[in-house]
Structures are given as C-alpha cells and as structure tokens.
Amino acid sequence: MLKLTALIAAPTLALIAAPAVAAGPNTADFDAPVAHDDLDLTTEKGVAVLDERVKTIIRKNCANGGRDSVSLRLERQCRSTAFAQAETQIRVAIANANLNRVRLASTNTPVAPEA
C-alpha cells in the first residue's frame, strides 16, 4: 500500500504533500494510503497503474468544487505539488521492487539439463 506521506515501507508507500497555500481546501497537506502490493512494479503496466492510483487520490484530495479561475488555479497547484512530492516515493517503491527482483534472481540456482 502506498501512503501519500514522506515515509515508505515495503509494500506501503505514503505521501504527504506540503501545503500549497496557507490553509484551506486546496492545500496539498493530506495523508492518503495508495495500495500497490498487488502490482508488479518491475513492469511498465504495474508502474502505470500505480501512477493512475496516485493521480486519482491526488485529484480527490485537491478537488475544491469551485469552477472560477482562482479555484481552478489552486486545484492545479495542489495537484502539481502533491504529485511532485509523491514522485520520489514512487521511484523508491519501483527501485525496491527491482532490487527485490534482483535479489530473488540471484538466489535461484539454474537447473542443469539431464545428460
């Protein structure tokens, strides 16, 4: 699970974005879990699904319901800030998945064909 905060745990990624503005409905100051333990982050498809999950949660948390230009600008800033801060955590989760794959591959011994 990916949690949108500054911490990363093996199958949990968390993202907390810093406030985009002082305080209000468009701050990127939230803590939201993003599940990813069901994804293979060593594949493009797994990474794409994780990106979509993160973007969906960010959109929901940054939505303010306003349609005027100020509200739309604040919403865009919130999304941009939150995703920028999530990117590092996403990259770490992907790197950990690749590292685990390499570790697993290095412990497997090839089976020699019978003569």
PDB file of N, CA and C in Angstrom:
ATOM      1  N   MET A   1       0.848  -1.162   0.000  1.00  0.00           N
ATOM      2  CA  MET A   1       0.000   0.000   0.000  1.00  0.00           C
ATOM      3  C   MET A   1       0.897   1.229   0.000  1.00  0.00           C
ATOM      4  N   LEU A   2       0.601   2.164  -0.815  1.00  0.00           N
ATOM      5  CA  LEU A   2       1.334   3.426  -0.912  1.00  0.00           C
ATOM      6  C   LEU A   2       0.551   4.452  -0.122  1.00  0.00           C
ATOM      7  N   LYS A   3       1.210   5.069   0.809  1.00  0.00           N
ATOM      8  CA  LYS A   3       0.523   6.075   1.613  1.00  0.00           C
ATOM      9  C   LYS A   3       1.175   7.406   1.317  1.00  0.00           C
ATOM     10  N   LEU A   4       0.418   8.345   0.853  1.00  0.00           N
ATOM     11  CA  LEU A   4       0.962   9.607   0.420  1.00  0.00           C
ATOM     12  C   LEU A   4       1.483  10.406   1.620  1.00  0.00           C
ATOM     13  N   THR A   5       2.713  10.070   2.096  1.00  0.00           N
ATOM     14  CA  THR A   5       3.441  10.801   3.142  1.00  0.00           C
ATOM     15  C   THR A   5       4.929  10.728   2.831  1.00  0.00           C
ATOM     16  N   ALA A   6       5.752  11.197   3.742  1.00  0.00           N
ATOM     17  CA  ALA A   6       7.188  11.218   3.499  1.00  0.00           C
ATOM     18  C   ALA A   6       7.860   9.883   3.819  1.00  0.00           C
ATOM     19  N   LEU A   7       7.120   8.897   4.259  1.00  0.00           N
ATOM     20  CA  LEU A   7       7.700   7.618   4.633  1.00  0.00           C
ATOM     21  C   LEU A   7       7.352   6.531   3.638  1.00  0.00           C
ATOM     22  N   ILE A   8       8.264   5.565   3.504  1.00  0.00           N
ATOM     23  CA  ILE A   8       7.989   4.419   2.645  1.00  0.00           C
ATOM     24  C   ILE A   8       8.285   3.158   3.442  1.00  0.00           C
ATOM     25  N   ALA A   9       7.356   2.239   3.406  1.00  0.00           N
ATOM     26  CA  ALA A   9       7.558   0.920   3.969  1.00  0.00           C
ATOM     27  C   ALA A   9       7.366  -0.060   2.825  1.00  0.00           C
ATOM     28  N   ALA A  10       7.952  -1.225   2.945  1.00  0.00           N
ATOM     29  CA  ALA A  10       7.992  -2.177   1.838  1.00  0.00           C
ATOM     30  C   ALA A  10       6.765  -2.151   0.931  1.00  0.00           C
ATOM     31  N   PRO A  11       5.647  -2.762   1.318  1.00  0.00           N
ATOM     32  CA  PRO A  11       4.514  -2.706   0.397  1.00  0.00           C
ATOM     33  C   PRO A  11       3.607  -1.507   0.636  1.00  0.00           C
ATOM     34  N   THR A  12       4.061  -0.567   1.431  1.00  0.00           N
ATOM     35  CA  THR A  12       3.240   0.612   1.689  1.00  0.00           C
ATOM     36  C   THR A  12       4.016   1.858   1.316  1.00  0.00           C
ATOM     37  N   LEU A  13       3.402   2.685   0.505  1.00  0.00           N
ATOM     38  CA  LEU A  13       4.011   3.949   0.141  1.00  0.00           C
ATOM     39  C   LEU A  13       3.068   5.026   0.614  1.00  0.00           C
ATOM     40  N   ALA A  14       3.600   5.999   1.300  1.00  0.00           N
ATOM     41  CA  ALA A  14       2.744   7.049   1.842  1.00  0.00           C
ATOM     42  C   ALA A  14       3.217   8.398   1.333  1.00  0.00           C
ATOM     43  N   LEU A  15       2.287   9.265   1.040  1.00  0.00           N
ATOM     44  CA  LEU A  15       2.630  10.585   0.513  1.00  0.00           C
ATOM     45  C   LEU A  15       1.958  11.655   1.337  1.00  0.00           C
ATOM     46  N   ILE A  16       2.743  12.586   1.829  1.00  0.00           N
ATOM     47  CA  ILE A  16       2.190  13.794   2.445  1.00  0.00           C
ATOM     48  C   ILE A  16       2.781  14.936   1.660  1.00  0.00           C
ATOM     49  N   ALA A  17       1.942  15.724   1.119  1.00  0.00           N
ATOM     50  CA  ALA A  17       2.405  16.879   0.358  1.00  0.00           C
ATOM     51  C   ALA A  17       2.398  18.091   1.268  1.00  0.00           C
ATOM     52  N   ALA A  18       3.321  18.984   1.026  1.00  0.00           N
ATOM     53  CA  ALA A  18       3.381  20.213   1.824  1.00  0.00           C
ATOM     54  C   ALA A  18       2.264  21.150   1.405  1.00  0.00           C
ATOM     55  N   PRO A  19       1.868  22.039   2.285  1.00  0.00           N
ATOM     56  CA  PRO A  19       0.792  22.963   1.930  1.00  0.00           C
ATOM     57  C   PRO A  19       1.150  23.822   0.721  1.00  0.00           C
ATOM     58  N   ALA A  20       0.236  23.912  -0.215  1.00  0.00           N
ATOM     59  CA  ALA A  20       0.444  24.752  -1.393  1.00  0.00           C
ATOM     60  C   ALA A  20       0.109  26.192  -1.057  1.00  0.00           C
ATOM     61  N   VAL A  21      -0.834  26.374  -0.157  1.00  0.00           N
ATOM     62  CA  VAL A  21      -1.204  27.703   0.324  1.00  0.00           C
ATOM     63  C   VAL A  21      -1.326  27.611   1.838  1.00  0.00           C
ATOM     64  N   ALA A  22      -1.536  28.711   2.489  1.00  0.00           N
ATOM     65  CA  ALA A  22      -1.544  28.752   3.955  1.00  0.00           C
ATOM     66  C   ALA A  22      -2.383  27.640   4.569  1.00  0.00           C
ATOM     67  N   ALA A  23      -3.656  27.635   4.333  1.00  0.00           N
ATOM     68  CA  ALA A  23      -4.528  26.577   4.827  1.00  0.00           C
ATOM     69  C   ALA A  23      -5.856  26.728   4.121  1.00  0.00           C
ATOM     70  N   GLY A  24      -6.467  25.644   3.845  1.00  0.00           N
ATOM     71  CA  GLY A  24      -7.740  25.702   3.158  1.00  0.00           C
ATOM     72  C   GLY A  24      -7.970  24.457   2.345  1.00  0.00           C
ATOM     73  N   PRO A  25      -9.025  24.440   1.562  1.00  0.00           N
ATOM     74  CA  PRO A  25      -9.389  23.233   0.836  1.00  0.00           C
ATOM     75  C   PRO A  25      -8.407  22.846  -0.257  1.00  0.00           C
ATOM     76  N   ASN A  26      -7.543  23.736  -0.682  1.00  0.00           N
ATOM     77  CA  ASN A  26      -6.623  23.412  -1.764  1.00  0.00           C
ATOM     78  C   ASN A  26      -5.191  23.217  -1.303  1.00  0.00           C
ATOM     79  N   THR A  27      -4.985  22.898  -0.041  1.00  0.00           N
ATOM     80  CA  THR A  27      -3.627  22.604   0.377  1.00  0.00           C
ATOM     81  C   THR A  27      -3.313  21.176  -0.020  1.00  0.00           C
ATOM     82  N   ALA A  28      -2.070  20.950  -0.334  1.00  0.00           N
ATOM     83  CA  ALA A  28      -1.637  19.601  -0.670  1.00  0.00           C
ATOM     84  C   ALA A  28      -1.147  18.934   0.606  1.00  0.00           C
ATOM     85  N   ASP A  29      -1.844  19.173   1.698  1.00  0.00           N
ATOM     86  CA  ASP A  29      -1.475  18.658   3.007  1.00  0.00           C
ATOM     87  C   ASP A  29      -2.447  17.553   3.382  1.00  0.00           C
ATOM     88  N   PHE A  30      -2.147  16.343   2.923  1.00  0.00           N
ATOM     89  CA  PHE A  30      -3.010  15.213   3.232  1.00  0.00           C
ATOM     90  C   PHE A  30      -2.186  13.944   3.305  1.00  0.00           C
ATOM     91  N   ASP A  31      -2.752  12.960   3.910  1.00  0.00           N
ATOM     92  CA  ASP A  31      -2.110  11.678   4.123  1.00  0.00           C
ATOM     93  C   ASP A  31      -3.088  10.627   3.619  1.00  0.00           C
ATOM     94  N   ALA A  32      -2.749   9.976   2.524  1.00  0.00           N
ATOM     95  CA  ALA A  32      -3.691   9.029   1.927  1.00  0.00           C
ATOM     96  C   ALA A  32      -2.972   7.760   1.493  1.00  0.00           C
ATOM     97  N   PRO A  33      -3.460   6.598   1.910  1.00  0.00           N
ATOM     98  CA  PRO A  33      -2.826   5.341   1.501  1.00  0.00           C
ATOM     99  C   PRO A  33      -3.109   5.017   0.035  1.00  0.00           C
ATOM    100  N   VAL A  34      -2.105   4.454  -0.621  1.00  0.00           N
ATOM    101  CA  VAL A  34      -2.250   4.023  -2.017  1.00  0.00           C
ATOM    102  C   VAL A  34      -1.763   2.578  -2.090  1.00  0.00           C
ATOM    103  N   ALA A  35      -2.684   1.653  -2.292  1.00  0.00           N
ATOM    104  CA  ALA A  35      -2.323   0.237  -2.351  1.00  0.00           C
ATOM    105  C   ALA A  35      -1.490  -0.047  -3.590  1.00  0.00           C
ATOM    106  N   HIS A  36      -0.399  -0.799  -3.398  1.00  0.00           N
ATOM    107  CA  HIS A  36       0.390  -1.214  -4.551  1.00  0.00           C
ATOM    108  C   HIS A  36       1.000  -2.594  -4.365  1.00  0.00           C
ATOM    109  N   ASP A  37       0.657  -3.270  -3.260  1.00  0.00           N
ATOM    110  CA  ASP A  37       1.215  -4.593  -3.036  1.00  0.00           C
ATOM    111  C   ASP A  37       0.674  -5.634  -4.010  1.00  0.00           C
ATOM    112  N   ASP A  38      -0.374  -5.300  -4.740  1.00  0.00           N
ATOM    113  CA  ASP A  38      -0.919  -6.206  -5.749  1.00  0.00           C
ATOM    114  C   ASP A  38      -0.324  -5.940  -7.131  1.00  0.00           C
ATOM    115  N   LEU A  39       0.601  -4.981  -7.227  1.00  0.00           N
ATOM    116  CA  LEU A  39       1.168  -4.594  -8.520  1.00  0.00           C
ATOM    117  C   LEU A  39       2.594  -5.102  -8.661  1.00  0.00           C
ATOM    118  N   ASP A  40       2.978  -5.424  -9.877  1.00  0.00           N
ATOM    119  CA  ASP A  40       4.362  -5.763 -10.187  1.00  0.00           C
ATOM    120  C   ASP A  40       5.024  -4.485 -10.677  1.00  0.00           C
ATOM    121  N   LEU A  41       5.736  -3.817  -9.788  1.00  0.00           N
ATOM    122  CA  LEU A  41       6.344  -2.536 -10.125  1.00  0.00           C
ATOM    123  C   LEU A  41       7.616  -2.690 -10.946  1.00  0.00           C
ATOM    124  N   THR A  42       7.928  -3.917 -11.353  1.00  0.00           N
ATOM    125  CA  THR A  42       9.061  -4.123 -12.252  1.00  0.00           C
ATOM    126  C   THR A  42       8.604  -4.093 -13.705  1.00  0.00           C
ATOM    127  N   THR A  43       7.304  -3.879 -13.914  1.00  0.00           N
ATOM    128  CA  THR A  43       6.768  -3.807 -15.278  1.00  0.00           C
ATOM    129  C   THR A  43       6.198  -2.418 -15.544  1.00  0.00           C
ATOM    130  N   GLU A  44       6.161  -2.051 -16.812  1.00  0.00           N
ATOM    131  CA  GLU A  44       5.584  -0.756 -17.190  1.00  0.00           C
ATOM    132  C   GLU A  44       4.112  -0.677 -16.809  1.00  0.00           C
ATOM    133  N   LYS A  45       3.402  -1.793 -16.979  1.00  0.00           N
ATOM    134  CA  LYS A  45       1.973  -1.806 -16.656  1.00  0.00           C
ATOM    135  C   LYS A  45       1.751  -1.568 -15.159  1.00  0.00           C
ATOM    136  N   GLY A  46       2.532  -2.218 -14.321  1.00  0.00           N
ATOM    137  CA  GLY A  46       2.401  -2.035 -12.880  1.00  0.00           C
ATOM    138  C   GLY A  46       2.673  -0.601 -12.459  1.00  0.00           C
ATOM    139  N   VAL A  47       3.701   0.002 -13.049  1.00  0.00           N
ATOM    140  CA  VAL A  47       4.042   1.393 -12.741  1.00  0.00           C
ATOM    141  C   VAL A  47       2.935   2.327 -13.218  1.00  0.00           C
ATOM    142  N   ALA A  48       2.389   2.049 -14.402  1.00  0.00           N
ATOM    143  CA  ALA A  48       1.310   2.891 -14.941  1.00  0.00           C
ATOM    144  C   ALA A  48       0.075   2.834 -14.041  1.00  0.00           C
ATOM    145  N   VAL A  49      -0.256   1.649 -13.549  1.00  0.00           N
ATOM    146  CA  VAL A  49      -1.417   1.505 -12.659  1.00  0.00           C
ATOM    147  C   VAL A  49      -1.167   2.263 -11.354  1.00  0.00           C
ATOM    148  N   LEU A  50       0.048   2.164 -10.815  1.00  0.00           N
ATOM    149  CA  LEU A  50       0.373   2.900  -9.590  1.00  0.00           C
ATOM    150  C   LEU A  50       0.254   4.404  -9.821  1.00  0.00           C
ATOM    151  N   ASP A  51       0.793   4.890 -10.932  1.00  0.00           N
ATOM    152  CA  ASP A  51       0.681   6.321 -11.251  1.00  0.00           C
ATOM    153  C   ASP A  51      -0.775   6.762 -11.299  1.00  0.00           C
ATOM    154  N   GLU A  52      -1.627   5.963 -11.918  1.00  0.00           N
ATOM    155  CA  GLU A  52      -3.050   6.315 -12.002  1.00  0.00           C
ATOM    156  C   GLU A  52      -3.703   6.332 -10.629  1.00  0.00           C
ATOM    157  N   ARG A  53      -3.347   5.369  -9.787  1.00  0.00           N
ATOM    158  CA  ARG A  53      -3.906   5.342  -8.431  1.00  0.00           C
ATOM    159  C   ARG A  53      -3.505   6.596  -7.654  1.00  0.00           C
ATOM    160  N   VAL A  54      -2.235   6.960  -7.764  1.00  0.00           N
ATOM    161  CA  VAL A  54      -1.746   8.152  -7.064  1.00  0.00           C
ATOM    162  C   VAL A  54      -2.457   9.392  -7.588  1.00  0.00           C
ATOM    163  N   LYS A  55      -2.548   9.522  -8.907  1.00  0.00           N
ATOM    164  CA  LYS A  55      -3.209  10.688  -9.501  1.00  0.00           C
ATOM    165  C   LYS A  55      -4.677  10.774  -9.093  1.00  0.00           C
ATOM    166  N   THR A  56      -5.353   9.633  -9.024  1.00  0.00           N
ATOM    167  CA  THR A  56      -6.763   9.617  -8.625  1.00  0.00           C
ATOM    168  C   THR A  56      -6.923  10.132  -7.195  1.00  0.00           C
ATOM    169  N   ILE A  57      -6.079   9.654  -6.294  1.00  0.00           N
ATOM    170  CA  ILE A  57      -6.167  10.095  -4.901  1.00  0.00           C
ATOM    171  C   ILE A  57      -5.826  11.571  -4.785  1.00  0.00           C
ATOM    172  N   ILE A  58      -4.832  12.009  -5.536  1.00  0.00           N
ATOM    173  CA  ILE A  58      -4.458  13.427  -5.503  1.00  0.00           C
ATOM    174  C   ILE A  58      -5.599  14.285  -6.029  1.00  0.00           C
ATOM    175  N   ARG A  59      -6.208  13.864  -7.140  1.00  0.00           N
ATOM    176  CA  ARG A  59      -7.342  14.633  -7.684  1.00  0.00           C
ATOM    177  C   ARG A  59      -8.463  14.746  -6.658  1.00  0.00           C
ATOM    178  N   LYS A  60      -8.786  13.639  -5.996  1.00  0.00           N
ATOM    179  CA  LYS A  60      -9.863  13.655  -4.998  1.00  0.00           C
ATOM    180  C   LYS A  60      -9.527  14.571  -3.822  1.00  0.00           C
ATOM    181  N   ASN A  61      -8.281  14.522  -3.354  1.00  0.00           N
ATOM    182  CA  ASN A  61      -7.897  15.321  -2.192  1.00  0.00           C
ATOM    183  C   ASN A  61      -7.707  16.792  -2.512  1.00  0.00           C
ATOM    184  N   CYS A  62      -7.411  17.110  -3.757  1.00  0.00           N
ATOM    185  CA  CYS A  62      -7.194  18.514  -4.134  1.00  0.00           C
ATOM    186  C   CYS A  62      -8.455  19.176  -4.685  1.00  0.00           C
ATOM    187  N   ALA A  63      -9.479  18.390  -4.970  1.00  0.00           N
ATOM    188  CA  ALA A  63     -10.711  18.956  -5.537  1.00  0.00           C
ATOM    189  C   ALA A  63     -11.366  19.893  -4.533  1.00  0.00           C
ATOM    190  N   ASN A  64     -11.789  21.055  -5.027  1.00  0.00           N
ATOM    191  CA  ASN A  64     -12.458  22.005  -4.140  1.00  0.00           C
ATOM    192  C   ASN A  64     -13.875  22.329  -4.603  1.00  0.00           C
ATOM    193  N   GLY A  65     -14.259  21.835  -5.753  1.00  0.00           N
ATOM    194  CA  GLY A  65     -15.612  22.055  -6.247  1.00  0.00           C
ATOM    195  C   GLY A  65     -15.834  23.386  -6.924  1.00  0.00           C
ATOM    196  N   GLY A  66     -14.872  24.281  -6.819  1.00  0.00           N
ATOM    197  CA  GLY A  66     -15.018  25.593  -7.444  1.00  0.00           C
ATOM    198  C   GLY A  66     -14.719  25.542  -8.936  1.00  0.00           C
ATOM    199  N   ARG A  67     -15.362  26.402  -9.693  1.00  0.00           N
ATOM    200  CA  ARG A  67     -15.140  26.453 -11.138  1.00  0.00           C
ATOM    201  C   ARG A  67     -14.648  27.817 -11.595  1.00  0.00           C
ATOM    202  N   ASP A  68     -14.423  28.716 -10.656  1.00  0.00           N
ATOM    203  CA  ASP A  68     -13.883  30.029 -11.028  1.00  0.00           C
ATOM    204  C   ASP A  68     -12.374  29.886 -11.240  1.00  0.00           C
ATOM    205  N   SER A  69     -11.764  30.888 -11.843  1.00  0.00           N
ATOM    206  CA  SER A  69     -10.352  30.793 -12.216  1.00  0.00           C
ATOM    207  C   SER A  69      -9.430  30.627 -11.007  1.00  0.00           C
ATOM    208  N   VAL A  70      -9.743  31.263  -9.901  1.00  0.00           N
ATOM    209  CA  VAL A  70      -8.900  31.136  -8.706  1.00  0.00           C
ATOM    210  C   VAL A  70      -8.975  29.714  -8.156  1.00  0.00           C
ATOM    211  N   SER A  71     -10.173  29.165  -8.066  1.00  0.00           N
ATOM    212  CA  SER A  71     -10.342  27.799  -7.560  1.00  0.00           C
ATOM    213  C   SER A  71      -9.628  26.795  -8.449  1.00  0.00           C
ATOM    214  N   LEU A  72      -9.768  26.954  -9.755  1.00  0.00           N
ATOM    215  CA  LEU A  72      -9.111  26.041 -10.690  1.00  0.00           C
ATOM    216  C   LEU A  72      -7.594  26.135 -10.583  1.00  0.00           C
ATOM    217  N   ARG A  73      -7.073  27.348 -10.425  1.00  0.00           N
ATOM    218  CA  ARG A  73      -5.623  27.533 -10.278  1.00  0.00           C
ATOM    219  C   ARG A  73      -5.127  26.874  -8.992  1.00  0.00           C
ATOM    220  N   LEU A  74      -5.850  27.068  -7.888  1.00  0.00           N
ATOM    221  CA  LEU A  74      -5.459  26.463  -6.616  1.00  0.00           C
ATOM    222  C   LEU A  74      -5.495  24.940  -6.691  1.00  0.00           C
ATOM    223  N   GLU A  75      -6.492  24.418  -7.372  1.00  0.00           N
ATOM    224  CA  GLU A  75      -6.609  22.973  -7.523  1.00  0.00           C
ATOM    225  C   GLU A  75      -5.429  22.426  -8.328  1.00  0.00           C
ATOM    226  N   ARG A  76      -5.069  23.106  -9.415  1.00  0.00           N
ATOM    227  CA  ARG A  76      -3.916  22.684 -10.234  1.00  0.00           C
ATOM    228  C   ARG A  76      -2.625  22.736  -9.426  1.00  0.00           C
ATOM    229  N   GLN A  77      -2.450  23.798  -8.641  1.00  0.00           N
ATOM    230  CA  GLN A  77      -1.249  23.920  -7.806  1.00  0.00           C
ATOM    231  C   GLN A  77      -1.177  22.790  -6.784  1.00  0.00           C
ATOM    232  N   CYS A  78      -2.300  22.486  -6.182  1.00  0.00           N
ATOM    233  CA  CYS A  78      -2.363  21.406  -5.198  1.00  0.00           C
ATOM    234  C   CYS A  78      -1.961  20.081  -5.844  1.00  0.00           C
ATOM    235  N   ARG A  79      -2.535  19.778  -7.002  1.00  0.00           N
ATOM    236  CA  ARG A  79      -2.215  18.527  -7.704  1.00  0.00           C
ATOM    237  C   ARG A  79      -0.740  18.469  -8.084  1.00  0.00           C
ATOM    238  N   SER A  80      -0.239  19.568  -8.596  1.00  0.00           N
ATOM    239  CA  SER A  80       1.160  19.622  -9.024  1.00  0.00           C
ATOM    240  C   SER A  80       2.108  19.402  -7.848  1.00  0.00           C
ATOM    241  N   THR A  81       1.846  20.076  -6.743  1.00  0.00           N
ATOM    242  CA  THR A  81       2.682  19.940  -5.551  1.00  0.00           C
ATOM    243  C   THR A  81       2.613  18.523  -4.995  1.00  0.00           C
ATOM    244  N   ALA A  82       1.422  17.992  -4.885  1.00  0.00           N
ATOM    245  CA  ALA A  82       1.248  16.652  -4.324  1.00  0.00           C
ATOM    246  C   ALA A  82       1.932  15.601  -5.186  1.00  0.00           C
ATOM    247  N   PHE A  83       1.778  15.684  -6.507  1.00  0.00           N
ATOM    248  CA  PHE A  83       2.394  14.675  -7.365  1.00  0.00           C
ATOM    249  C   PHE A  83       3.913  14.811  -7.356  1.00  0.00           C
ATOM    250  N   ALA A  84       4.421  16.023  -7.329  1.00  0.00           N
ATOM    251  CA  ALA A  84       5.873  16.223  -7.277  1.00  0.00           C
ATOM    252  C   ALA A  84       6.450  15.577  -6.022  1.00  0.00           C
ATOM    253  N   GLN A  85       5.733  15.696  -4.916  1.00  0.00           N
ATOM    254  CA  GLN A  85       6.216  15.102  -3.676  1.00  0.00           C
ATOM    255  C   GLN A  85       6.020  13.593  -3.655  1.00  0.00           C
ATOM    256  N   ALA A  86       5.054  13.091  -4.376  1.00  0.00           N
ATOM    257  CA  ALA A  86       4.823  11.645  -4.438  1.00  0.00           C
ATOM    258  C   ALA A  86       5.837  10.965  -5.349  1.00  0.00           C
ATOM    259  N   GLU A  87       6.364  11.690  -6.319  1.00  0.00           N
ATOM    260  CA  GLU A  87       7.277  11.099  -7.302  1.00  0.00           C
ATOM    261  C   GLU A  87       8.462  10.393  -6.661  1.00  0.00           C
ATOM    262  N   THR A  88       9.059  11.003  -5.662  1.00  0.00           N
ATOM    263  CA  THR A  88      10.210  10.385  -5.005  1.00  0.00           C
ATOM    264  C   THR A  88       9.812   9.059  -4.379  1.00  0.00           C
ATOM    265  N   GLN A  89       8.674   9.037  -3.724  1.00  0.00           N
ATOM    266  CA  GLN A  89       8.216   7.810  -3.081  1.00  0.00           C
ATOM    267  C   GLN A  89       7.884   6.738  -4.110  1.00  0.00           C
ATOM    268  N   ILE A  90       7.316   7.151  -5.225  1.00  0.00           N
ATOM    269  CA  ILE A  90       7.008   6.206  -6.292  1.00  0.00           C
ATOM    270  C   ILE A  90       8.304   5.604  -6.826  1.00  0.00           C
ATOM    271  N   ARG A  91       9.301   6.445  -7.053  1.00  0.00           N
ATOM    272  CA  ARG A  91      10.593   5.955  -7.564  1.00  0.00           C
ATOM    273  C   ARG A  91      11.252   4.999  -6.587  1.00  0.00           C
ATOM    274  N   VAL A  92      11.163   5.290  -5.295  1.00  0.00           N
ATOM    275  CA  VAL A  92      11.740   4.403  -4.284  1.00  0.00           C
ATOM    276  C   VAL A  92      11.016   3.059  -4.288  1.00  0.00           C
ATOM    277  N   ALA A  93       9.697   3.083  -4.379  1.00  0.00           N
ATOM    278  CA  ALA A  93       8.926   1.834  -4.417  1.00  0.00           C
ATOM    279  C   ALA A  93       9.318   0.999  -5.638  1.00  0.00           C
ATOM    280  N   ILE A  94       9.494   1.649  -6.785  1.00  0.00           N
ATOM    281  CA  ILE A  94       9.897   0.948  -8.009  1.00  0.00           C
ATOM    282  C   ILE A  94      11.309   0.393  -7.849  1.00  0.00           C
ATOM    283  N   ALA A  95      12.209   1.198  -7.301  1.00  0.00           N
ATOM    284  CA  ALA A  95      13.588   0.742  -7.089  1.00  0.00           C
ATOM    285  C   ALA A  95      13.628  -0.448  -6.139  1.00  0.00           C
ATOM    286  N   ASN A  96      12.828  -0.401  -5.070  1.00  0.00           N
ATOM    287  CA  ASN A  96      12.767  -1.531  -4.138  1.00  0.00           C
ATOM    288  C   ASN A  96      12.244  -2.783  -4.821  1.00  0.00           C
ATOM    289  N   ALA A  97      11.244  -2.634  -5.667  1.00  0.00           N
ATOM    290  CA  ALA A  97      10.698  -3.784  -6.396  1.00  0.00           C
ATOM    291  C   ALA A  97      11.766  -4.385  -7.305  1.00  0.00           C
ATOM    292  N   ASN A  98      12.508  -3.529  -8.001  1.00  0.00           N
ATOM    293  CA  ASN A  98      13.571  -4.021  -8.881  1.00  0.00           C
ATOM    294  C   ASN A  98      14.694  -4.668  -8.085  1.00  0.00           C
ATOM    295  N   LEU A  99      15.035  -4.092  -6.935  1.00  0.00           N
ATOM    296  CA  LEU A  99      16.069  -4.662  -6.080  1.00  0.00           C
ATOM    297  C   LEU A  99      15.641  -6.028  -5.567  1.00  0.00           C
ATOM    298  N   ASN A 100      14.392  -6.146  -5.145  1.00  0.00           N
ATOM    299  CA  ASN A 100      13.883  -7.435  -4.673  1.00  0.00           C
ATOM    300  C   ASN A 100      13.896  -8.469  -5.786  1.00  0.00           C
ATOM    301  N   ARG A 101      13.602  -8.038  -7.009  1.00  0.00           N
ATOM    302  CA  ARG A 101      13.630  -8.951  -8.155  1.00  0.00           C
ATOM    303  C   ARG A 101      15.049  -9.446  -8.403  1.00  0.00           C
ATOM    304  N   VAL A 102      16.029  -8.553  -8.305  1.00  0.00           N
ATOM    305  CA  VAL A 102      17.428  -8.935  -8.498  1.00  0.00           C
ATOM    306  C   VAL A 102      17.867  -9.885  -7.393  1.00  0.00           C
ATOM    307  N   ARG A 103      17.478  -9.588  -6.150  1.00  0.00           N
ATOM    308  CA  ARG A 103      17.829 -10.480  -5.034  1.00  0.00           C
ATOM    309  C   ARG A 103      17.235 -11.860  -5.235  1.00  0.00           C
ATOM    310  N   LEU A 104      15.979 -11.904  -5.643  1.00  0.00           N
ATOM    311  CA  LEU A 104      15.318 -13.183  -5.866  1.00  0.00           C
ATOM    312  C   LEU A 104      16.005 -13.942  -6.988  1.00  0.00           C
ATOM    313  N   ALA A 105      16.345 -13.264  -8.058  1.00  0.00           N
ATOM    314  CA  ALA A 105      17.002 -13.906  -9.192  1.00  0.00           C
ATOM    315  C   ALA A 105      18.379 -14.430  -8.800  1.00  0.00           C
ATOM    316  N   SER A 106      19.079 -13.721  -7.936  1.00  0.00           N
ATOM    317  CA  SER A 106      20.430 -14.147  -7.560  1.00  0.00           C
ATOM    318  C   SER A 106      20.411 -15.344  -6.615  1.00  0.00           C
ATOM    319  N   THR A 107      19.303 -15.607  -5.943  1.00  0.00           N
ATOM    320  CA  THR A 107      19.231 -16.758  -5.046  1.00  0.00           C
ATOM    321  C   THR A 107      18.760 -18.015  -5.754  1.00  0.00           C
ATOM    322  N   ASN A 108      18.200 -17.874  -6.932  1.00  0.00           N
ATOM    323  CA  ASN A 108      17.758 -19.042  -7.697  1.00  0.00           C
ATOM    324  C   ASN A 108      18.953 -19.677  -8.388  1.00  0.00           C
ATOM    325  N   THR A 109      19.077 -20.977  -8.239  1.00  0.00           N
ATOM    326  CA  THR A 109      20.155 -21.678  -8.931  1.00  0.00           C
ATOM    327  C   THR A 109      19.580 -22.330 -10.169  1.00  0.00           C
ATOM    328  N   PRO A 110      20.289 -22.189 -11.293  1.00  0.00           N
ATOM    329  CA  PRO A 110      19.764 -22.784 -12.519  1.00  0.00           C
ATOM    330  C   PRO A 110      19.781 -24.305 -12.431  1.00  0.00           C
ATOM    331  N   VAL A 111      18.814 -24.911 -13.043  1.00  0.00           N
ATOM    332  CA  VAL A 111      18.726 -26.364 -13.079  1.00  0.00           C
ATOM    333  C   VAL A 111      19.439 -26.834 -14.336  1.00  0.00           C
ATOM    334  N   ALA A 112      20.426 -27.698 -14.146  1.00  0.00           N
ATOM    335  CA  ALA A 112      21.184 -28.205 -15.292  1.00  0.00           C
ATOM    336  C   ALA A 112      20.365 -29.271 -16.001  1.00  0.00           C
ATOM    337  N   PRO A 113      20.371 -29.250 -17.334  1.00  0.00           N
ATOM    338  CA  PRO A 113      19.633 -30.288 -18.065  1.00  0.00           C
ATOM    339  C   PRO A 113      20.275 -31.651 -17.829  1.00  0.00           C
ATOM    340  N   GLU A 114      19.438 -32.662 -17.789  1.00  0.00           N
ATOM    341  CA  GLU A 114      19.955 -34.015 -17.567  1.00  0.00           C
ATOM    342  C   GLU A 114      20.692 -34.487 -18.802  1.00  0.00           C
ATOM    343  N   ALA A 115      21.779 -35.228 -18.564  1.00  0.00           N
ATOM    344  CA  ALA A 115      22.615 -35.697 -19.672  1.00  0.00           C
ATOM    345  C   ALA A 115      22.090 -36.942 -20.298  1.00  0.00           C
TER     346      ALA A 115
END
